[in-house]
PDB file of all heavy atoms in Angstrom:
ATOM      1  N   THR A   1     -18.091  -8.769 -49.246  1.00  0.00           N
ATOM      2  CA  THR A   1     -18.264  -8.625 -47.803  1.00  0.00           C
ATOM      3  C   THR A   1     -17.400  -7.492 -47.277  1.00  0.00           C
ATOM      4  O   THR A   1     -17.851  -6.669 -46.477  1.00  0.00           O
ATOM      5  CB  THR A   1     -17.888  -9.934 -47.080  1.00  0.00           C
ATOM      6  OG1 THR A   1     -18.701 -10.994 -47.585  1.00  0.00           O
ATOM      7  CG2 THR A   1     -18.098  -9.812 -45.583  1.00  0.00           C
ATOM      8  N   GLY A   2     -16.152  -7.427 -47.729  1.00  0.00           N
ATOM      9  CA  GLY A   2     -15.252  -6.383 -47.270  1.00  0.00           C
ATOM     10  C   GLY A   2     -15.738  -4.998 -47.631  1.00  0.00           C
ATOM     11  O   GLY A   2     -15.644  -4.064 -46.833  1.00  0.00           O
ATOM     12  N   VAL A   3     -16.277  -4.852 -48.846  1.00  0.00           N
ATOM     13  CA  VAL A   3     -16.787  -3.554 -49.274  1.00  0.00           C
ATOM     14  C   VAL A   3     -17.910  -3.092 -48.357  1.00  0.00           C
ATOM     15  O   VAL A   3     -17.943  -1.948 -47.886  1.00  0.00           O
ATOM     16  CB  VAL A   3     -17.280  -3.624 -50.734  1.00  0.00           C
ATOM     17  CG1 VAL A   3     -18.101  -2.390 -51.087  1.00  0.00           C
ATOM     18  CG2 VAL A   3     -16.099  -3.754 -51.676  1.00  0.00           C
ATOM     19  N   PHE A   4     -18.848  -3.981 -48.066  1.00  0.00           N
ATOM     20  CA  PHE A   4     -19.979  -3.605 -47.216  1.00  0.00           C
ATOM     21  C   PHE A   4     -19.531  -3.352 -45.781  1.00  0.00           C
ATOM     22  O   PHE A   4     -20.013  -2.434 -45.119  1.00  0.00           O
ATOM     23  CB  PHE A   4     -21.052  -4.693 -47.261  1.00  0.00           C
ATOM     24  CG  PHE A   4     -21.831  -4.709 -48.541  1.00  0.00           C
ATOM     25  CD1 PHE A   4     -21.655  -5.724 -49.464  1.00  0.00           C
ATOM     26  CD2 PHE A   4     -22.735  -3.698 -48.829  1.00  0.00           C
ATOM     27  CE1 PHE A   4     -22.368  -5.742 -50.648  1.00  0.00           C
ATOM     28  CE2 PHE A   4     -23.452  -3.701 -50.014  1.00  0.00           C
ATOM     29  CZ  PHE A   4     -23.265  -4.731 -50.936  1.00  0.00           C
ATOM     30  N   VAL A   5     -18.605  -4.161 -45.276  1.00  0.00           N
ATOM     31  CA  VAL A   5     -18.112  -3.971 -43.913  1.00  0.00           C
ATOM     32  C   VAL A   5     -17.438  -2.623 -43.767  1.00  0.00           C
ATOM     33  O   VAL A   5     -17.736  -1.836 -42.870  1.00  0.00           O
ATOM     34  CB  VAL A   5     -17.128  -5.101 -43.529  1.00  0.00           C
ATOM     35  CG1 VAL A   5     -16.361  -4.732 -42.270  1.00  0.00           C
ATOM     36  CG2 VAL A   5     -17.882  -6.408 -43.313  1.00  0.00           C
ATOM     37  N   LEU A   6     -16.510  -2.324 -44.671  1.00  0.00           N
ATOM     38  CA  LEU A   6     -15.711  -1.113 -44.548  1.00  0.00           C
ATOM     39  C   LEU A   6     -16.518   0.142 -44.881  1.00  0.00           C
ATOM     40  O   LEU A   6     -16.292   1.193 -44.284  1.00  0.00           O
ATOM     41  CB  LEU A   6     -14.485  -1.215 -45.448  1.00  0.00           C
ATOM     42  CG  LEU A   6     -13.518  -2.352 -45.068  1.00  0.00           C
ATOM     43  CD1 LEU A   6     -12.368  -2.422 -46.068  1.00  0.00           C
ATOM     44  CD2 LEU A   6     -12.981  -2.181 -43.665  1.00  0.00           C
ATOM     45  N   SER A   7     -17.476   0.040 -45.811  1.00  0.00           N
ATOM     46  CA  SER A   7     -18.253   1.230 -46.157  1.00  0.00           C
ATOM     47  C   SER A   7     -19.126   1.657 -44.997  1.00  0.00           C
ATOM     48  O   SER A   7     -19.207   2.846 -44.683  1.00  0.00           O
ATOM     49  CB  SER A   7     -19.117   0.950 -47.389  1.00  0.00           C
ATOM     50  OG  SER A   7     -20.052  -0.082 -47.126  1.00  0.00           O
ATOM     51  N   LEU A   8     -19.772   0.713 -44.328  1.00  0.00           N
ATOM     52  CA  LEU A   8     -20.619   1.107 -43.205  1.00  0.00           C
ATOM     53  C   LEU A   8     -19.778   1.533 -42.010  1.00  0.00           C
ATOM     54  O   LEU A   8     -20.188   2.375 -41.225  1.00  0.00           O
ATOM     55  CB  LEU A   8     -21.564  -0.023 -42.806  1.00  0.00           C
ATOM     56  CG  LEU A   8     -22.657   0.400 -41.817  1.00  0.00           C
ATOM     57  CD1 LEU A   8     -23.527   1.490 -42.416  1.00  0.00           C
ATOM     58  CD2 LEU A   8     -23.524  -0.778 -41.397  1.00  0.00           C
ATOM     59  N   SER A   9     -18.581   0.944 -41.860  1.00  0.00           N
ATOM     60  CA  SER A   9     -17.713   1.367 -40.763  1.00  0.00           C
ATOM     61  C   SER A   9     -17.336   2.836 -40.916  1.00  0.00           C
ATOM     62  O   SER A   9     -17.179   3.552 -39.929  1.00  0.00           O
ATOM     63  CB  SER A   9     -16.439   0.516 -40.742  1.00  0.00           C
ATOM     64  OG  SER A   9     -16.735  -0.826 -40.459  1.00  0.00           O
ATOM     65  N   ALA A  10     -17.168   3.280 -42.149  1.00  0.00           N
ATOM     66  CA  ALA A  10     -16.722   4.656 -42.377  1.00  0.00           C
ATOM     67  C   ALA A  10     -17.813   5.676 -42.070  1.00  0.00           C
ATOM     68  O   ALA A  10     -17.526   6.800 -41.690  1.00  0.00           O
ATOM     69  CB  ALA A  10     -16.270   4.814 -43.830  1.00  0.00           C
ATOM     70  N   ILE A  11     -19.079   5.292 -42.242  1.00  0.00           N
ATOM     71  CA  ILE A  11     -20.172   6.243 -42.055  1.00  0.00           C
ATOM     72  C   ILE A  11     -20.247   6.750 -40.622  1.00  0.00           C
ATOM     73  O   ILE A  11     -20.241   7.961 -40.377  1.00  0.00           O
ATOM     74  CB  ILE A  11     -21.508   5.631 -42.518  1.00  0.00           C
ATOM     75  CG1 ILE A  11     -21.471   5.399 -44.026  1.00  0.00           C
ATOM     76  CG2 ILE A  11     -22.677   6.544 -42.155  1.00  0.00           C
ATOM     77  CD1 ILE A  11     -22.631   4.578 -44.546  1.00  0.00           C
ATOM     78  N   PRO A  12     -20.316   5.844 -39.604  1.00  0.00           N
ATOM     79  CA  PRO A  12     -20.349   6.354 -38.229  1.00  0.00           C
ATOM     80  C   PRO A  12     -19.087   7.108 -37.843  1.00  0.00           C
ATOM     81  O   PRO A  12     -19.142   8.071 -37.082  1.00  0.00           O
ATOM     82  CB  PRO A  12     -20.502   5.088 -37.376  1.00  0.00           C
ATOM     83  CG  PRO A  12     -21.023   4.056 -38.310  1.00  0.00           C
ATOM     84  CD  PRO A  12     -20.437   4.391 -39.638  1.00  0.00           C
ATOM     85  N   VAL A  13     -17.924   6.671 -38.362  1.00  0.00           N
ATOM     86  CA  VAL A  13     -16.672   7.369 -38.057  1.00  0.00           C
ATOM     87  C   VAL A  13     -16.750   8.812 -38.516  1.00  0.00           C
ATOM     88  O   VAL A  13     -16.431   9.747 -37.779  1.00  0.00           O
ATOM     89  CB  VAL A  13     -15.477   6.665 -38.731  1.00  0.00           C
ATOM     90  CG1 VAL A  13     -14.217   7.496 -38.573  1.00  0.00           C
ATOM     91  CG2 VAL A  13     -15.264   5.290 -38.134  1.00  0.00           C
ATOM     92  N   THR A  14     -17.183   9.021 -39.758  1.00  0.00           N
ATOM     93  CA  THR A  14     -17.295  10.371 -40.298  1.00  0.00           C
ATOM     94  C   THR A  14     -18.264  11.208 -39.468  1.00  0.00           C
ATOM     95  O   THR A  14     -17.996  12.368 -39.147  1.00  0.00           O
ATOM     96  CB  THR A  14     -17.776  10.310 -41.759  1.00  0.00           C
ATOM     97  OG1 THR A  14     -16.871   9.501 -42.505  1.00  0.00           O
ATOM     98  CG2 THR A  14     -17.830  11.699 -42.366  1.00  0.00           C
ATOM     99  N   TYR A  15     -19.379  10.607 -39.100  1.00  0.00           N
ATOM    100  CA  TYR A  15     -20.375  11.343 -38.322  1.00  0.00           C
ATOM    101  C   TYR A  15     -19.826  11.741 -36.964  1.00  0.00           C
ATOM    102  O   TYR A  15     -20.017  12.874 -36.506  1.00  0.00           O
ATOM    103  CB  TYR A  15     -21.639  10.498 -38.154  1.00  0.00           C
ATOM    104  CG  TYR A  15     -22.752  11.253 -37.465  1.00  0.00           C
ATOM    105  CD1 TYR A  15     -23.667  11.994 -38.208  1.00  0.00           C
ATOM    106  CD2 TYR A  15     -22.869  11.255 -36.084  1.00  0.00           C
ATOM    107  CE1 TYR A  15     -24.682  12.703 -37.587  1.00  0.00           C
ATOM    108  CE2 TYR A  15     -23.879  11.955 -35.450  1.00  0.00           C
ATOM    109  CZ  TYR A  15     -24.778  12.674 -36.211  1.00  0.00           C
ATOM    110  OH  TYR A  15     -25.772  13.379 -35.586  1.00  0.00           O
ATOM    111  N   VAL A  16     -19.135  10.821 -36.305  1.00  0.00           N
ATOM    112  CA  VAL A  16     -18.598  11.104 -34.970  1.00  0.00           C
ATOM    113  C   VAL A  16     -17.640  12.287 -35.016  1.00  0.00           C
ATOM    114  O   VAL A  16     -17.745  13.222 -34.214  1.00  0.00           O
ATOM    115  CB  VAL A  16     -17.890   9.867 -34.391  1.00  0.00           C
ATOM    116  CG1 VAL A  16     -17.064  10.251 -33.165  1.00  0.00           C
ATOM    117  CG2 VAL A  16     -18.913   8.808 -33.992  1.00  0.00           C
ATOM    118  N   PHE A  17     -16.712  12.274 -35.957  1.00  0.00           N
ATOM    119  CA  PHE A  17     -15.722  13.342 -35.990  1.00  0.00           C
ATOM    120  C   PHE A  17     -16.327  14.664 -36.445  1.00  0.00           C
ATOM    121  O   PHE A  17     -15.934  15.729 -35.968  1.00  0.00           O
ATOM    122  CB  PHE A  17     -14.538  12.938 -36.868  1.00  0.00           C
ATOM    123  CG  PHE A  17     -13.623  11.965 -36.183  1.00  0.00           C
ATOM    124  CD1 PHE A  17     -13.676  10.613 -36.476  1.00  0.00           C
ATOM    125  CD2 PHE A  17     -12.737  12.384 -35.205  1.00  0.00           C
ATOM    126  CE1 PHE A  17     -12.851   9.707 -35.836  1.00  0.00           C
ATOM    127  CE2 PHE A  17     -11.906  11.491 -34.556  1.00  0.00           C
ATOM    128  CZ  PHE A  17     -11.959  10.138 -34.873  1.00  0.00           C
ATOM    129  N   ASN A  18     -17.293  14.622 -37.351  1.00  0.00           N
ATOM    130  CA  ASN A  18     -18.007  15.852 -37.701  1.00  0.00           C
ATOM    131  C   ASN A  18     -18.756  16.400 -36.494  1.00  0.00           C
ATOM    132  O   ASN A  18     -18.815  17.607 -36.268  1.00  0.00           O
ATOM    133  CB  ASN A  18     -18.987  15.589 -38.849  1.00  0.00           C
ATOM    134  CG  ASN A  18     -18.298  15.457 -40.180  1.00  0.00           C
ATOM    135  OD1 ASN A  18     -17.156  15.886 -40.332  1.00  0.00           O
ATOM    136  ND2 ASN A  18     -18.966  14.856 -41.153  1.00  0.00           N
ATOM    137  N   HIS A  19     -19.319  15.507 -35.715  1.00  0.00           N
ATOM    138  CA  HIS A  19     -20.041  15.921 -34.513  1.00  0.00           C
ATOM    139  C   HIS A  19     -19.082  16.555 -33.508  1.00  0.00           C
ATOM    140  O   HIS A  19     -19.396  17.560 -32.878  1.00  0.00           O
ATOM    141  CB  HIS A  19     -20.726  14.695 -33.902  1.00  0.00           C
ATOM    142  CG  HIS A  19     -21.643  15.024 -32.762  1.00  0.00           C
ATOM    143  ND1 HIS A  19     -22.924  15.497 -32.947  1.00  0.00           N
ATOM    144  CD2 HIS A  19     -21.466  14.960 -31.421  1.00  0.00           C
ATOM    145  CE1 HIS A  19     -23.493  15.704 -31.780  1.00  0.00           C
ATOM    146  NE2 HIS A  19     -22.635  15.382 -30.835  1.00  0.00           N
ATOM    147  N   LEU A  20     -17.899  15.979 -33.368  1.00  0.00           N
ATOM    148  CA  LEU A  20     -16.917  16.517 -32.429  1.00  0.00           C
ATOM    149  C   LEU A  20     -16.474  17.915 -32.839  1.00  0.00           C
ATOM    150  O   LEU A  20     -16.305  18.806 -31.999  1.00  0.00           O
ATOM    151  CB  LEU A  20     -15.695  15.596 -32.355  1.00  0.00           C
ATOM    152  CG  LEU A  20     -15.893  14.250 -31.641  1.00  0.00           C
ATOM    153  CD1 LEU A  20     -14.634  13.416 -31.777  1.00  0.00           C
ATOM    154  CD2 LEU A  20     -16.206  14.472 -30.178  1.00  0.00           C
ATOM    155  N   VAL A  21     -16.303  18.095 -34.138  1.00  0.00           N
ATOM    156  CA  VAL A  21     -15.823  19.385 -34.626  1.00  0.00           C
ATOM    157  C   VAL A  21     -16.886  20.472 -34.468  1.00  0.00           C
ATOM    158  O   VAL A  21     -16.605  21.594 -34.058  1.00  0.00           O
ATOM    159  CB  VAL A  21     -15.392  19.265 -36.107  1.00  0.00           C
ATOM    160  CG1 VAL A  21     -15.115  20.639 -36.698  1.00  0.00           C
ATOM    161  CG2 VAL A  21     -14.158  18.384 -36.210  1.00  0.00           C
ATOM    162  N   SER A  22     -18.140  20.129 -34.802  1.00  0.00           N
ATOM    163  CA  SER A  22     -19.185  21.154 -34.848  1.00  0.00           C
ATOM    164  C   SER A  22     -19.955  21.331 -33.554  1.00  0.00           C
ATOM    165  O   SER A  22     -20.589  22.348 -33.346  1.00  0.00           O
ATOM    166  CB  SER A  22     -20.181  20.806 -35.963  1.00  0.00           C
ATOM    167  OG  SER A  22     -20.791  19.554 -35.694  1.00  0.00           O
ATOM    168  N   GLN A  23     -19.912  20.339 -32.656  1.00  0.00           N
ATOM    169  CA  GLN A  23     -20.729  20.396 -31.442  1.00  0.00           C
ATOM    170  C   GLN A  23     -19.893  20.063 -30.210  1.00  0.00           C
ATOM    171  O   GLN A  23     -20.133  19.063 -29.539  1.00  0.00           O
ATOM    172  CB  GLN A  23     -21.913  19.423 -31.552  1.00  0.00           C
ATOM    173  CG  GLN A  23     -22.844  19.675 -32.727  1.00  0.00           C
ATOM    174  CD  GLN A  23     -23.683  20.917 -32.532  1.00  0.00           C
ATOM    175  OE1 GLN A  23     -23.831  21.416 -31.420  1.00  0.00           O
ATOM    176  NE2 GLN A  23     -24.228  21.436 -33.620  1.00  0.00           N
ATOM    177  N   HIS A  24     -18.905  20.854 -29.924  1.00  0.00           N
ATOM    178  CA  HIS A  24     -18.022  20.569 -28.795  1.00  0.00           C
ATOM    179  C   HIS A  24     -18.769  20.526 -27.469  1.00  0.00           C
ATOM    180  O   HIS A  24     -18.389  19.794 -26.562  1.00  0.00           O
ATOM    181  CB  HIS A  24     -16.914  21.632 -28.713  1.00  0.00           C
ATOM    182  CG  HIS A  24     -15.863  21.464 -29.750  1.00  0.00           C
ATOM    183  ND1 HIS A  24     -14.984  20.413 -29.759  1.00  0.00           N
ATOM    184  CD2 HIS A  24     -15.568  22.225 -30.831  1.00  0.00           C
ATOM    185  CE1 HIS A  24     -14.160  20.535 -30.793  1.00  0.00           C
ATOM    186  NE2 HIS A  24     -14.508  21.621 -31.466  1.00  0.00           N
ATOM    187  N   GLU A  25     -19.842  21.316 -27.370  1.00  0.00           N
ATOM    188  CA  GLU A  25     -20.503  21.401 -26.092  1.00  0.00           C
ATOM    189  C   GLU A  25     -21.426  20.210 -25.829  1.00  0.00           C
ATOM    190  O   GLU A  25     -21.927  20.030 -24.731  1.00  0.00           O
ATOM    191  CB  GLU A  25     -21.317  22.704 -25.997  1.00  0.00           C
ATOM    192  CG  GLU A  25     -22.566  22.762 -26.854  1.00  0.00           C
ATOM    193  CD  GLU A  25     -22.265  23.063 -28.311  1.00  0.00           C
ATOM    194  OE1 GLU A  25     -21.068  23.216 -28.637  1.00  0.00           O
ATOM    195  OE2 GLU A  25     -23.212  23.139 -29.112  1.00  0.00           O
ATOM    196  N   GLU A  26     -21.726  19.404 -26.841  1.00  0.00           N
ATOM    197  CA  GLU A  26     -22.641  18.285 -26.680  1.00  0.00           C
ATOM    198  C   GLU A  26     -21.867  16.981 -26.546  1.00  0.00           C
ATOM    199  O   GLU A  26     -20.812  16.796 -27.132  1.00  0.00           O
ATOM    200  CB  GLU A  26     -23.601  18.202 -27.871  1.00  0.00           C
ATOM    201  CG  GLU A  26     -24.516  19.404 -27.977  1.00  0.00           C
ATOM    202  CD  GLU A  26     -25.512  19.249 -29.109  1.00  0.00           C
ATOM    203  OE1 GLU A  26     -25.590  18.138 -29.671  1.00  0.00           O
ATOM    204  OE2 GLU A  26     -26.193  20.228 -29.423  1.00  0.00           O
ATOM    205  N   SER A  27     -22.430  16.058 -25.799  1.00  0.00           N
ATOM    206  CA  SER A  27     -21.796  14.767 -25.629  1.00  0.00           C
ATOM    207  C   SER A  27     -21.951  13.941 -26.903  1.00  0.00           C
ATOM    208  O   SER A  27     -23.010  13.905 -27.512  1.00  0.00           O
ATOM    209  CB  SER A  27     -22.429  14.025 -24.452  1.00  0.00           C
ATOM    210  OG  SER A  27     -21.949  12.709 -24.386  1.00  0.00           O
ATOM    211  N   TYR A  28     -20.862  13.297 -27.299  1.00  0.00           N
ATOM    212  CA  TYR A  28     -20.921  12.416 -28.461  1.00  0.00           C
ATOM    213  C   TYR A  28     -20.967  10.958 -28.019  1.00  0.00           C
ATOM    214  O   TYR A  28     -20.746  10.041 -28.808  1.00  0.00           O
ATOM    215  CB  TYR A  28     -19.697  12.635 -29.356  1.00  0.00           C
ATOM    216  CG  TYR A  28     -18.370  12.444 -28.656  1.00  0.00           C
ATOM    217  CD1 TYR A  28     -17.733  11.214 -28.645  1.00  0.00           C
ATOM    218  CD2 TYR A  28     -17.753  13.502 -27.995  1.00  0.00           C
ATOM    219  CE1 TYR A  28     -16.521  11.036 -28.002  1.00  0.00           C
ATOM    220  CE2 TYR A  28     -16.545  13.336 -27.348  1.00  0.00           C
ATOM    221  CZ  TYR A  28     -15.931  12.101 -27.364  1.00  0.00           C
ATOM    222  OH  TYR A  28     -14.723  11.926 -26.720  1.00  0.00           O
ATOM    223  N   ARG A  29     -21.300  10.740 -26.762  1.00  0.00           N
ATOM    224  CA  ARG A  29     -21.249   9.395 -26.204  1.00  0.00           C
ATOM    225  C   ARG A  29     -22.254   8.449 -26.870  1.00  0.00           C
ATOM    226  O   ARG A  29     -21.928   7.295 -27.149  1.00  0.00           O
ATOM    227  CB  ARG A  29     -21.512   9.467 -24.696  1.00  0.00           C
ATOM    228  CG  ARG A  29     -21.200   8.187 -23.938  1.00  0.00           C
ATOM    229  CD  ARG A  29     -21.342   8.449 -22.443  1.00  0.00           C
ATOM    230  NE  ARG A  29     -20.920   7.300 -21.664  1.00  0.00           N
ATOM    231  CZ  ARG A  29     -21.720   6.287 -21.350  1.00  0.00           C
ATOM    232  NH1 ARG A  29     -22.973   6.302 -21.763  1.00  0.00           N
ATOM    233  NH2 ARG A  29     -21.264   5.268 -20.633  1.00  0.00           N
ATOM    234  N   THR A  30     -23.458   8.940 -27.142  1.00  0.00           N
ATOM    235  CA  THR A  30     -24.491   8.076 -27.709  1.00  0.00           C
ATOM    236  C   THR A  30     -24.106   7.548 -29.082  1.00  0.00           C
ATOM    237  O   THR A  30     -24.082   6.344 -29.323  1.00  0.00           O
ATOM    238  CB  THR A  30     -25.838   8.836 -27.789  1.00  0.00           C
ATOM    239  OG1 THR A  30     -26.237   9.200 -26.468  1.00  0.00           O
ATOM    240  CG2 THR A  30     -26.908   7.964 -28.417  1.00  0.00           C
ATOM    241  N   ILE A  31     -23.787   8.456 -30.006  1.00  0.00           N
ATOM    242  CA  ILE A  31     -23.397   8.018 -31.342  1.00  0.00           C
ATOM    243  C   ILE A  31     -22.071   7.274 -31.289  1.00  0.00           C
ATOM    244  O   ILE A  31     -21.819   6.358 -32.072  1.00  0.00           O
ATOM    245  CB  ILE A  31     -23.331   9.221 -32.311  1.00  0.00           C
ATOM    246  CG1 ILE A  31     -23.081   8.755 -33.745  1.00  0.00           C
ATOM    247  CG2 ILE A  31     -22.262  10.199 -31.889  1.00  0.00           C
ATOM    248  CD1 ILE A  31     -24.211   7.952 -34.331  1.00  0.00           C
ATOM    249  N   GLY A  32     -21.217   7.655 -30.339  1.00  0.00           N
ATOM    250  CA  GLY A  32     -19.930   6.974 -30.199  1.00  0.00           C
ATOM    251  C   GLY A  32     -20.084   5.525 -29.807  1.00  0.00           C
ATOM    252  O   GLY A  32     -19.372   4.650 -30.317  1.00  0.00           O
TER     253      GLY A  32
END
């Protein structure tokens, strides 16, 4: 259970921060 919980938690986190770095002009509110 922990493996599945933590692995999926990491995916959106990585996406959010990549989005922040590469797309400063766009809102990250939706994915956030």
